[in-house]
N, C-alpha and C. Protein backbone atom coordinates (compact mmCIF):
# COMPACT_ATOMS: atom_id res chain seq x y z
N UNK A 1 -3.85 18.45 94.62
CA UNK A 1 -2.66 18.06 94.68
C UNK A 1 -1.65 18.78 93.63
N UNK A 2 -0.53 19.32 93.65
CA UNK A 2 0.44 19.55 92.51
C UNK A 2 1.39 18.75 92.35
N UNK A 3 1.30 18.15 91.42
CA UNK A 3 2.69 17.51 90.39
C UNK A 3 3.51 18.05 89.75
N UNK A 4 5.60 18.17 90.33
CA UNK A 4 6.40 18.54 89.41
C UNK A 4 7.06 17.68 88.84
N UNK A 5 7.76 17.58 87.92
CA UNK A 5 9.29 16.67 87.54
C UNK A 5 10.06 17.84 87.74
N UNK A 6 11.27 17.62 88.33
CA UNK A 6 12.43 18.44 88.11
C UNK A 6 13.95 17.98 87.95
N UNK A 7 14.90 18.47 87.51
CA UNK A 7 16.42 18.23 87.68
C UNK A 7 16.86 18.80 89.18
N UNK A 8 17.45 18.15 89.83
CA UNK A 8 18.03 18.42 91.10
C UNK A 8 18.77 19.96 90.98
N UNK A 9 18.89 20.26 89.47
CA UNK A 9 19.68 21.51 89.16
C UNK A 9 18.14 23.01 89.44
N UNK A 10 17.57 22.04 89.70
CA UNK A 10 16.35 23.12 89.71
C UNK A 10 15.44 23.27 91.13
N UNK A 11 16.00 22.96 92.15
CA UNK A 11 15.31 22.78 93.54
C UNK A 11 15.38 23.95 94.21
N UNK A 12 16.06 25.19 94.19
CA UNK A 12 15.91 26.47 94.49
C UNK A 12 14.17 26.89 94.00
N UNK A 13 14.27 26.81 92.76
CA UNK A 13 12.96 27.30 91.93
C UNK A 13 11.80 26.48 93.08
N UNK A 14 12.04 24.93 93.00
CA UNK A 14 10.95 24.21 93.27
C UNK A 14 10.55 25.25 95.03
N UNK A 15 11.66 25.10 95.60
CA UNK A 15 11.70 25.75 97.02
C UNK A 15 10.69 26.89 97.22
N UNK A 16 10.58 27.85 96.31
CA UNK A 16 10.37 28.53 95.77
C UNK A 16 9.02 28.67 95.83
N UNK A 17 8.32 27.96 94.34
CA UNK A 17 7.21 27.01 94.43
C UNK A 17 6.88 26.91 95.50
N UNK A 18 7.10 25.92 95.61
CA UNK A 18 6.18 25.10 97.10
C UNK A 18 6.00 26.60 98.39
N UNK A 19 6.88 26.87 98.62
CA UNK A 19 6.43 28.33 99.36
C UNK A 19 5.31 29.04 99.67
N UNK A 20 5.65 29.54 98.11
CA UNK A 20 4.43 30.28 97.50
C UNK A 20 2.68 29.73 98.08
N UNK A 21 3.05 28.42 98.13
CA UNK A 21 1.24 27.72 97.82
C UNK A 21 1.65 26.81 99.51
N UNK A 22 2.72 26.70 100.36
CA UNK A 22 2.41 26.17 101.57
C UNK A 22 0.97 26.73 102.18
N UNK A 23 0.54 25.68 102.92
CA UNK A 23 -0.50 25.86 104.02
C UNK A 23 -0.49 25.83 105.29
N UNK A 24 0.54 25.35 105.53
CA UNK A 24 1.08 25.20 106.92
C UNK A 24 2.96 25.44 107.12
N UNK A 25 3.17 25.85 108.13
CA UNK A 25 4.43 26.22 108.24
C UNK A 25 5.31 24.30 109.02
N UNK A 26 4.28 23.54 108.90
CA UNK A 26 4.70 22.51 109.76
C UNK A 26 4.82 21.41 108.52
N UNK A 27 5.60 20.94 107.73
CA UNK A 27 5.64 20.23 106.12
C UNK A 27 6.74 18.93 106.55
N UNK A 28 5.92 18.13 106.33
CA UNK A 28 5.97 16.83 106.34
C UNK A 28 6.64 15.92 105.05
N UNK A 29 8.06 15.83 105.10
CA UNK A 29 8.52 15.25 103.71
C UNK A 29 8.17 13.46 103.74
N UNK A 30 7.78 13.07 102.61
CA UNK A 30 7.58 11.65 102.04
C UNK A 30 8.76 11.22 101.16
N UNK A 31 9.19 10.03 101.39
CA UNK A 31 9.90 9.75 100.00
C UNK A 31 11.27 8.80 100.93
N UNK A 32 11.43 7.90 99.83
CA UNK A 32 12.73 6.86 100.39
C UNK A 32 13.65 7.69 100.57
N UNK A 33 14.91 6.38 100.97
CA UNK A 33 15.88 7.22 101.24
C UNK A 33 16.87 7.21 100.44
N UNK A 34 17.43 8.67 100.63
CA UNK A 34 18.01 9.21 99.34
C UNK A 34 17.32 10.42 98.45
N UNK A 35 15.83 10.09 98.56
CA UNK A 35 15.46 10.78 97.41
C UNK A 35 15.47 12.37 97.12
N UNK A 36 15.50 13.01 98.24
CA UNK A 36 16.23 14.11 98.46
C UNK A 36 15.32 15.32 98.92
N UNK A 37 14.81 14.56 100.11
CA UNK A 37 13.92 14.81 101.59
C UNK A 37 15.16 16.46 101.72
N UNK A 38 16.33 16.17 102.66
CA UNK A 38 17.31 16.74 103.13
C UNK A 38 17.64 17.95 101.92
N UNK A 39 17.68 17.54 100.75
CA UNK A 39 17.90 18.65 99.27
C UNK A 39 17.17 19.67 99.48
N UNK A 40 16.03 19.34 99.89
CA UNK A 40 14.94 20.46 99.80
C UNK A 40 14.95 21.06 100.57
N UNK A 41 14.93 20.40 102.13
CA UNK A 41 15.20 21.30 102.99
C UNK A 41 16.14 22.42 102.90
N UNK A 42 17.12 22.11 102.40
CA UNK A 42 18.41 22.62 102.45
C UNK A 42 17.91 23.79 101.80
N UNK A 43 17.03 23.72 100.53
CA UNK A 43 16.79 24.90 99.47
C UNK A 43 15.24 26.06 100.17
N UNK A 44 14.68 25.03 100.69
CA UNK A 44 13.66 25.68 101.69
C UNK A 44 14.48 26.97 102.80
N UNK A 45 15.29 26.09 103.43
CA UNK A 45 15.69 27.23 104.35
C UNK A 45 16.87 28.41 104.02
N UNK A 46 17.25 27.94 102.73
CA UNK A 46 17.81 29.11 101.92
C UNK A 46 17.14 30.06 101.54
N UNK A 47 15.41 29.90 100.91
CA UNK A 47 14.71 30.49 100.77
C UNK A 47 13.92 31.57 101.62
N UNK A 48 14.01 30.90 102.67
CA UNK A 48 13.34 31.24 104.05
C UNK A 48 15.02 32.82 104.90
N UNK A 49 15.69 32.50 104.27
CA UNK A 49 16.70 33.78 104.39
C UNK A 49 17.47 33.02 106.24
N UNK A 50 17.66 31.48 105.65
CA UNK A 50 18.84 30.81 106.97
C UNK A 50 19.86 31.42 106.60
N UNK A 51 20.83 31.40 107.89
CA UNK A 51 21.83 31.87 108.06
C UNK A 51 22.99 30.82 107.53
N UNK A 52 22.44 29.67 107.58
CA UNK A 52 23.21 28.02 107.64
C UNK A 52 22.60 27.29 106.50
N UNK A 53 23.55 26.01 106.50
CA UNK A 53 23.66 25.21 105.68
C UNK A 53 22.46 24.56 106.29
N UNK A 54 21.46 24.27 105.72
CA UNK A 54 20.62 22.65 106.05
C UNK A 54 21.39 21.58 106.01
N UNK A 55 21.36 20.91 106.87
CA UNK A 55 22.11 19.67 106.95
C UNK A 55 20.89 18.41 107.71
N UNK A 56 21.23 16.81 107.42
CA UNK A 56 20.66 16.02 107.92
C UNK A 56 20.24 15.84 109.29
N UNK A 57 19.57 15.86 110.30
CA UNK A 57 19.64 15.47 111.54
C UNK A 57 19.94 13.60 111.92
N UNK A 58 19.91 13.27 111.50
CA UNK A 58 19.48 11.83 111.67
C UNK A 58 20.35 11.38 112.27
N UNK A 59 21.21 11.44 112.93
CA UNK A 59 22.13 11.60 114.29
C UNK A 59 21.84 11.92 115.58
N UNK A 60 21.60 13.08 115.28
CA UNK A 60 21.20 14.30 116.57
C UNK A 60 19.22 14.44 116.80
N UNK A 61 19.03 13.91 116.15
CA UNK A 61 17.47 13.76 115.38
C UNK A 61 16.47 15.29 114.87
N UNK A 62 16.85 16.38 115.56
CA UNK A 62 16.94 17.57 115.31
C UNK A 62 17.63 18.78 114.97
N UNK A 63 17.63 19.24 114.18
CA UNK A 63 18.51 20.60 114.06
C UNK A 63 17.67 21.99 114.25
N UNK A 64 18.53 22.86 114.30
CA UNK A 64 17.94 23.99 114.54
C UNK A 64 18.42 25.30 113.57
N UNK A 65 17.32 25.96 112.69
CA UNK A 65 17.87 27.09 112.12
C UNK A 65 16.97 28.77 112.25
N UNK A 66 18.65 28.99 112.18
CA UNK A 66 18.17 30.55 112.70
C UNK A 66 17.80 31.85 111.38
N UNK A 67 17.26 32.65 111.35
CA UNK A 67 17.86 33.68 110.51
C UNK A 67 18.87 34.63 110.75
N UNK A 68 19.14 35.62 109.82
CA UNK A 68 20.25 36.24 110.06
C UNK A 68 20.67 37.32 111.31
N UNK A 69 19.38 37.65 111.46
CA UNK A 69 19.08 38.29 113.00
C UNK A 69 19.03 37.41 113.62
N UNK A 70 19.33 36.23 114.05
CA UNK A 70 20.01 35.41 115.45
C UNK A 70 18.15 34.67 115.54
N UNK A 71 17.34 34.95 114.58
CA UNK A 71 15.67 34.66 115.60
C UNK A 71 15.57 33.47 114.99
N UNK A 72 15.08 32.39 115.67
CA UNK A 72 14.85 30.74 115.49
C UNK A 72 13.93 30.64 113.80
N UNK A 73 14.16 30.27 113.05
CA UNK A 73 13.75 30.02 111.54
C UNK A 73 12.84 28.90 111.41
N UNK A 74 13.44 27.91 112.30
CA UNK A 74 12.70 26.59 111.91
C UNK A 74 13.32 25.68 112.92
N UNK A 75 12.59 24.50 112.86
CA UNK A 75 13.62 23.21 113.31
C UNK A 75 13.19 22.21 111.99
N UNK A 76 14.42 21.34 112.48
CA UNK A 76 14.43 20.50 111.20
C UNK A 76 14.30 18.55 111.83
N UNK A 77 13.38 17.89 111.68
CA UNK A 77 12.89 16.63 112.45
C UNK A 77 13.94 15.33 111.62
N UNK A 78 14.16 14.38 111.70
CA UNK A 78 14.65 13.10 111.42
C UNK A 78 13.82 12.00 112.18
N UNK A 79 13.21 11.53 112.09
CA UNK A 79 12.65 10.44 112.49
C UNK A 79 12.90 8.95 112.49
N UNK A 80 13.86 8.81 111.27
CA UNK A 80 14.30 7.51 110.79
C UNK A 80 14.72 7.05 111.85
N UNK A 81 15.39 7.43 112.62
CA UNK A 81 15.84 5.99 113.71
C UNK A 81 14.63 5.77 114.78
N UNK A 82 13.76 6.64 115.24
CA UNK A 82 12.81 6.40 116.21
C UNK A 82 12.99 4.98 115.85
N UNK A 83 12.25 4.41 117.41
CA UNK A 83 11.85 2.94 117.23
C UNK A 83 10.58 2.82 117.60
N UNK A 84 10.28 3.81 118.62
CA UNK A 84 8.84 4.08 119.16
C UNK A 84 7.95 5.27 118.94
N UNK A 85 7.07 5.84 118.44
CA UNK A 85 6.42 6.86 118.23
C UNK A 85 6.65 8.03 119.39
N UNK A 86 6.40 7.57 120.82
CA UNK A 86 6.03 8.14 122.04
C UNK A 86 7.88 8.79 122.11
N UNK A 87 8.93 8.26 121.45
CA UNK A 87 9.93 8.59 121.29
C UNK A 87 10.06 10.33 121.40
N UNK A 88 9.66 11.17 120.19
CA UNK A 88 9.37 11.75 119.49
C UNK A 88 8.74 12.84 120.60
N UNK A 89 7.78 12.53 121.70
CA UNK A 89 7.48 12.91 123.27
C UNK A 89 8.63 13.70 124.16
N UNK A 90 9.44 12.52 124.09
CA UNK A 90 10.41 12.55 124.91
C UNK A 90 11.25 13.87 124.42
N UNK A 91 11.57 13.89 123.24
CA UNK A 91 12.19 15.01 122.31
C UNK A 91 11.63 16.79 122.81
N UNK A 92 10.11 16.41 122.83
CA UNK A 92 9.64 17.48 122.73
C UNK A 92 8.79 18.03 122.42
N UNK A 93 8.66 17.29 121.01
CA UNK A 93 7.45 17.48 120.18
C UNK A 93 6.77 18.90 119.96
N UNK A 94 5.72 18.38 121.31
CA UNK A 94 4.82 19.14 121.60
C UNK A 94 5.15 20.46 121.55
N UNK A 95 6.14 20.90 122.13
CA UNK A 95 7.13 22.48 122.61
C UNK A 95 6.90 23.13 121.27
N UNK A 96 7.95 22.20 119.88
CA UNK A 96 8.58 22.18 119.24
C UNK A 96 7.09 22.46 117.97
N UNK A 97 6.15 21.95 118.15
CA UNK A 97 5.22 22.11 117.40
C UNK A 97 4.18 23.22 117.33
N UNK A 98 4.10 23.56 118.86
CA UNK A 98 3.30 24.93 119.42
C UNK A 98 3.90 26.45 118.96
N UNK A 99 5.32 26.25 118.42
CA UNK A 99 5.86 27.75 118.25
C UNK A 99 5.29 27.93 116.75
N UNK A 100 5.58 29.09 116.59
CA UNK A 100 5.16 30.01 115.37
C UNK A 100 6.31 29.85 114.33
N UNK A 101 6.93 29.08 114.20
CA UNK A 101 8.52 28.92 113.20
C UNK A 101 8.34 27.45 112.14
N UNK A 102 9.17 27.30 111.01
CA UNK A 102 8.59 26.36 110.52
C UNK A 102 9.27 24.88 110.79
N UNK A 103 8.89 23.83 110.60
CA UNK A 103 9.18 22.52 111.25
C UNK A 103 9.06 21.62 109.77
N UNK A 104 10.23 21.05 109.61
CA UNK A 104 10.28 20.16 108.58
C UNK A 104 10.40 18.83 108.81
N UNK A 105 9.68 17.71 108.98
CA UNK A 105 9.80 16.25 109.19
C UNK A 105 10.31 15.72 108.15
N UNK A 106 11.50 14.80 108.18
CA UNK A 106 11.51 13.56 107.15
C UNK A 106 11.07 12.35 108.19
N UNK A 107 10.24 11.38 107.40
CA UNK A 107 9.71 10.27 108.04
C UNK A 107 8.68 10.45 109.22
N UNK A 108 7.95 11.18 108.58
CA UNK A 108 6.70 11.79 109.75
C UNK A 108 6.09 10.77 110.03
N UNK A 109 5.68 9.44 108.93
CA UNK A 109 4.82 8.45 109.75
C UNK A 109 5.64 7.54 110.35
N UNK A 110 6.94 8.20 111.16
CA UNK A 110 7.08 7.35 112.41
C UNK A 110 6.18 8.12 113.44
N UNK A 111 5.54 9.09 113.35
CA UNK A 111 5.27 9.95 114.34
C UNK A 111 3.62 10.56 114.03
N UNK A 112 3.19 9.76 113.05
CA UNK A 112 1.31 10.27 112.36
C UNK A 112 0.85 10.63 113.83
N UNK A 113 0.10 9.97 114.70
CA UNK A 113 -0.58 10.09 115.93
C UNK A 113 -0.08 11.93 116.46
N UNK A 114 1.03 11.76 116.29
CA UNK A 114 1.20 13.50 117.11
C UNK A 114 1.24 14.30 116.15
N UNK A 115 1.01 14.51 114.79
CA UNK A 115 1.05 15.50 113.62
C UNK A 115 -0.49 16.53 113.87
N UNK A 116 -0.87 17.70 113.35
CA UNK A 116 -1.78 18.33 113.70
C UNK A 116 -2.21 18.19 111.60
N UNK A 117 -3.96 17.89 111.69
CA UNK A 117 -4.32 17.25 110.78
C UNK A 117 -3.38 18.37 109.43
N UNK A 118 -3.47 19.72 109.78
CA UNK A 118 -3.47 20.58 108.78
C UNK A 118 -1.71 21.35 108.34
N UNK A 119 -0.71 19.99 108.47
CA UNK A 119 0.67 20.14 108.25
C UNK A 119 0.48 20.19 106.33
N UNK A 120 1.37 20.68 105.62
CA UNK A 120 1.57 20.63 103.95
C UNK A 120 2.31 19.24 104.34
N UNK A 121 2.30 18.66 102.93
CA UNK A 121 2.87 17.54 103.04
C UNK A 121 3.59 17.38 101.53
N UNK A 122 4.56 17.09 101.52
CA UNK A 122 5.47 16.64 100.52
C UNK A 122 5.83 15.19 99.93
N UNK A 123 5.09 14.87 99.14
CA UNK A 123 6.27 13.96 98.61
C UNK A 123 6.97 13.39 97.38
N UNK A 124 8.34 13.12 97.54
CA UNK A 124 10.01 13.14 96.22
C UNK A 124 9.39 11.55 96.08
N UNK A 125 9.47 11.46 94.35
CA UNK A 125 9.83 10.13 94.09
C UNK A 125 11.11 10.42 93.46
N UNK A 126 12.00 9.01 93.21
CA UNK A 126 13.17 9.19 92.51
C UNK A 126 12.03 8.68 90.99
N UNK A 127 12.93 9.76 89.89
CA UNK A 127 12.58 8.67 88.62
C UNK A 127 14.23 8.53 87.95
N UNK A 128 15.10 8.81 88.09
CA UNK A 128 16.33 8.79 88.46
C UNK A 128 17.68 9.42 88.69
N UNK A 129 18.61 9.47 88.63
CA UNK A 129 19.78 9.99 89.43
C UNK A 129 19.44 11.21 89.51
N UNK A 130 19.31 12.10 88.74
CA UNK A 130 19.10 13.81 88.66
C UNK A 130 17.58 13.99 88.52
N UNK A 131 16.79 13.20 88.51
CA UNK A 131 15.24 13.66 88.62
C UNK A 131 14.05 13.10 89.48
N UNK A 132 13.45 13.87 89.86
CA UNK A 132 12.50 13.70 90.82
C UNK A 132 10.90 14.06 90.44
N UNK A 133 9.77 13.21 91.36
CA UNK A 133 9.15 13.96 90.96
C UNK A 133 8.52 14.01 92.44
N UNK A 134 7.92 15.78 92.26
CA UNK A 134 7.59 16.01 94.08
C UNK A 134 5.78 16.25 93.78
N UNK A 135 5.35 16.02 94.93
CA UNK A 135 4.06 15.95 94.97
C UNK A 135 3.45 16.85 96.29
N UNK A 136 2.75 18.05 95.87
CA UNK A 136 1.98 18.87 97.38
C UNK A 136 1.24 19.48 97.60
């Protein structure tokens, strides 16, 4: 496990560092509300060549991201509002997970039993308003 303390303006370098070491395209992000999970996903999508800015899908639950070529880069799930784990299946989670694309999951603890064992995990802790500690 690697631990990194960083300032929010260093997020692009953190994304690059994570992508060099990621062991799975399924990325589970843990951390309290406002810790910077969506901010990190925005940086990851940018580093992967995504053609649009990432945002939290809190109300829609899932966002799609595309490469400049039009191909699907990946999906971003925010399960914060999920009431029951099985709701993820109603969204077609199994179909999403079976694709060879990047999957970013906020609040993965809400769907633990549906996630494969070999996911990449990131935990973000707030140190202060500008500083975070990341574990992956």
